[in-house]
Amino acid sequence: MGFVYRVCTLYDKYKINKMGKERGHTVLHLLPYQCELNLTELVWAEVKRYIKLNKTTFKIKNIKELIHKGFEQVALQKWRN
């Protein structure tokens, strides 16, 4: 992690980095196209998979319900531990 921090400080050009630093945080940017390191992408992939497996109609109301249920499933099964 030390190497990443040293390199990151050389390229401290994003506003979010400055905002984080002002509040005592360090923003760690992920590499592009490394979705396996991005928890948001992993969760969204699981939700989309749930929708695909459980979809019976294309009505927006049903899809919204599946989205909510999908997030509940991800939260319970994958991220409990």
Protein backbone atom coordinates (compact mmCIF):
# COMPACT_ATOMS: atom_id res chain seq x y z
CA MET A 1 0.00 0.00 0.00
CA GLY A 2 2.95 2.29 0.59
CA PHE A 3 3.90 2.19 -3.09
CA VAL A 4 0.37 3.06 -4.19
CA TYR A 5 0.27 5.99 -1.77
CA ARG A 6 3.64 7.34 -2.98
CA VAL A 7 2.60 7.17 -6.62
CA CYS A 8 -0.88 8.50 -5.93
CA THR A 9 0.48 11.66 -4.32
CA LEU A 10 2.43 12.47 -7.50
CA TYR A 11 -0.80 12.69 -9.46
CA ASP A 12 -3.05 14.44 -6.95
CA LYS A 13 -5.01 16.34 -9.59
CA TYR A 14 -8.62 15.34 -8.98
CA LYS A 15 -10.95 17.52 -6.90
CA ILE A 16 -12.14 14.48 -4.96
CA ASN A 17 -8.56 13.88 -3.80
CA LYS A 18 -8.35 17.42 -2.43
CA MET A 19 -11.73 17.11 -0.73
CA GLY A 20 -10.74 13.80 0.84
CA LYS A 21 -7.40 15.16 2.02
CA GLU A 22 -9.11 18.15 3.66
CA ARG A 23 -11.23 15.70 5.65
CA GLY A 24 -8.36 13.39 6.53
CA HIS A 25 -9.02 10.69 3.91
CA THR A 26 -7.02 9.25 1.05
CA VAL A 27 -8.88 8.43 -2.15
CA LEU A 28 -7.60 5.28 -3.82
CA HIS A 29 -8.52 5.14 -7.51
CA LEU A 30 -9.09 1.75 -9.07
CA LEU A 31 -7.47 0.76 -12.31
CA PRO A 32 -9.72 1.07 -15.36
CA TYR A 33 -11.37 -2.14 -16.50
CA GLN A 34 -10.67 -3.92 -13.21
CA CYS A 35 -14.29 -4.55 -12.25
CA GLU A 36 -13.29 -7.50 -10.02
CA LEU A 37 -11.73 -4.93 -7.65
CA ASN A 38 -14.77 -2.63 -7.64
CA LEU A 39 -17.42 -3.71 -5.12
CA THR A 40 -20.07 -1.55 -6.76
CA GLU A 41 -19.60 -3.40 -10.05
CA LEU A 42 -19.67 -6.79 -8.31
CA VAL A 43 -22.91 -5.98 -6.49
CA TRP A 44 -24.54 -4.60 -9.64
CA ALA A 45 -23.53 -7.71 -11.58
CA GLU A 46 -25.21 -9.89 -8.94
CA VAL A 47 -28.39 -7.80 -9.05
CA LYS A 48 -28.53 -8.01 -12.86
CA ARG A 49 -28.04 -11.77 -12.68
CA TYR A 50 -30.90 -12.06 -10.16
CA ILE A 51 -33.16 -10.04 -12.47
CA LYS A 52 -32.23 -12.17 -15.47
CA LEU A 53 -32.98 -15.42 -13.66
CA ASN A 54 -36.27 -14.25 -12.12
CA LYS A 55 -37.76 -11.99 -14.81
CA THR A 56 -41.13 -13.13 -16.17
CA THR A 57 -42.33 -9.86 -17.76
CA PHE A 58 -40.85 -6.64 -19.08
CA LYS A 59 -43.18 -4.38 -17.07
CA ILE A 60 -41.29 -1.63 -15.27
CA LYS A 61 -43.15 -2.29 -12.01
CA ASN A 62 -42.00 -5.92 -11.98
CA ILE A 63 -38.44 -4.98 -12.87
CA LYS A 64 -38.32 -2.44 -10.02
CA GLU A 65 -39.47 -5.11 -7.59
CA LEU A 66 -36.80 -7.48 -8.87
CA ILE A 67 -34.14 -4.79 -8.44
CA HIS A 68 -35.10 -4.34 -4.78
CA LYS A 69 -35.24 -8.08 -4.18
CA GLY A 70 -31.93 -8.50 -6.00
CA PHE A 71 -30.22 -6.01 -3.69
CA GLU A 72 -31.68 -7.80 -0.68
CA GLN A 73 -30.29 -11.11 -1.94
CA VAL A 74 -26.85 -9.66 -2.54
CA ALA A 75 -26.77 -8.06 0.89
CA LEU A 76 -27.82 -11.27 2.62
CA GLN A 77 -25.83 -13.85 0.71
CA LYS A 78 -22.59 -12.21 -0.40
CA TRP A 79 -21.71 -9.43 2.02
CA ARG A 80 -22.80 -10.82 5.39
CA ASN A 81 -19.34 -12.14 6.20
